[in-house]
Amino acid sequence: DGRRLQSLDGHYGPVNCVALLPDGRLTSGAGYPENSFRVWDLADGRCLQILPEHNGYVTCVAVLPTGRIISGDIGARNALKVWAER
């Protein structure tokens, strides 16, 4: 019916990407000045984890069938990172 179900507040940089994990959690990546991404509980809107180790804008995030998260950034290292399940 078009109504908002949840608001996930906490990023202080622009949100550039989101992906859904197999267990229903959501991950979102943000750009400058934050340069991190977060894992959210969609049921209650809580931020479960902040992964701040990027050196530039987080531009993409993907989730493997195993639940591992891959995130990429544009920065000094132009890095792709793979994160363990948690």
Protein backbone atom coordinates (compact mmCIF):
# COMPACT_ATOMS: atom_id res chain seq x y z
CA ASP A 1 0.00 0.00 0.00
CA GLY A 2 3.05 2.29 -0.25
CA ARG A 3 3.64 3.07 3.42
CA ARG A 4 7.11 3.03 4.97
CA LEU A 5 7.72 -0.04 7.13
CA GLN A 6 11.08 0.82 8.66
CA SER A 7 13.60 3.65 8.86
CA LEU A 8 17.24 2.63 9.24
CA ASP A 9 18.89 5.68 10.77
CA GLY A 10 22.59 5.96 11.49
CA HIS A 11 24.59 6.61 8.33
CA TYR A 12 26.06 10.11 8.22
CA GLY A 13 27.34 9.81 4.64
CA PRO A 14 25.20 9.25 1.54
CA VAL A 15 23.98 5.65 1.20
CA ASN A 16 25.27 4.32 -2.12
CA CYS A 17 24.26 0.66 -2.08
CA VAL A 18 22.22 -1.96 -0.25
CA ALA A 19 21.97 -5.77 -0.36
CA LEU A 20 19.84 -8.33 1.44
CA LEU A 21 21.55 -11.16 3.32
CA PRO A 22 20.14 -14.72 3.17
CA ASP A 23 18.91 -14.51 6.78
CA GLY A 24 16.89 -11.34 6.14
CA ARG A 25 19.38 -8.81 7.48
CA LEU A 26 20.26 -5.86 5.27
CA THR A 27 23.66 -4.36 4.53
CA SER A 28 24.17 -0.79 3.32
CA GLY A 29 27.25 1.14 2.24
CA ALA A 30 27.91 4.86 2.59
CA GLY A 31 30.29 7.39 1.11
CA TYR A 32 32.34 10.27 2.50
CA PRO A 33 32.87 11.14 5.28
CA GLU A 34 31.75 7.79 6.64
CA ASN A 35 33.30 5.34 4.14
CA SER A 36 31.81 2.32 5.88
CA PHE A 37 28.95 -0.08 5.65
CA ARG A 38 26.49 -1.40 8.17
CA VAL A 39 24.48 -4.54 8.81
CA TRP A 40 20.90 -3.97 9.95
CA ASP A 41 18.18 -6.02 11.60
CA LEU A 42 15.15 -5.30 9.42
CA ALA A 43 12.69 -6.53 12.07
CA ASP A 44 13.47 -3.74 14.53
CA GLY A 45 15.74 -1.33 12.59
CA ARG A 46 18.78 -1.82 14.85
CA CYS A 47 22.28 -1.45 13.46
CA LEU A 48 23.98 -4.76 14.31
CA GLN A 49 27.46 -4.05 13.00
CA ILE A 50 29.51 -1.21 11.52
CA LEU A 51 32.40 -2.15 9.23
CA PRO A 52 34.45 1.06 8.79
CA GLU A 53 37.62 -0.23 7.14
CA HIS A 54 37.22 1.32 3.70
CA ASN A 55 39.57 4.07 2.52
CA GLY A 56 37.09 5.65 0.13
CA TYR A 57 33.43 5.76 -0.87
CA VAL A 58 31.74 2.39 -0.53
CA THR A 59 30.26 2.05 -4.01
CA CYS A 60 28.98 -1.52 -4.12
CA VAL A 61 28.03 -4.36 -1.85
CA ALA A 62 27.01 -7.90 -2.74
CA VAL A 63 26.17 -10.97 -0.72
CA LEU A 64 27.30 -14.49 -1.62
CA PRO A 65 24.90 -17.42 -1.06
CA THR A 66 27.04 -18.37 1.98
CA GLY A 67 26.28 -15.01 3.60
CA ARG A 68 29.74 -13.53 3.06
CA ILE A 69 29.63 -9.86 2.15
CA ILE A 70 31.74 -8.31 -0.62
CA SER A 71 32.15 -4.55 -0.64
CA GLY A 72 34.07 -2.26 -2.94
CA ASP A 73 35.34 1.29 -2.64
CA ILE A 74 36.76 4.07 -4.74
CA GLY A 75 39.68 5.55 -2.85
CA ALA A 76 43.44 5.46 -2.53
CA ARG A 77 43.46 1.66 -2.82
CA ASN A 78 40.33 1.03 -4.94
CA ALA A 79 39.76 -2.09 -2.86
CA LEU A 80 37.38 -5.01 -2.82
CA LYS A 81 36.90 -6.58 0.60
CA VAL A 82 35.33 -9.90 1.56
CA TRP A 83 33.84 -10.15 5.04
CA ALA A 84 33.25 -13.31 7.06
CA GLU A 85 29.79 -14.30 8.15
CA ARG A 86 28.81 -13.10 11.58
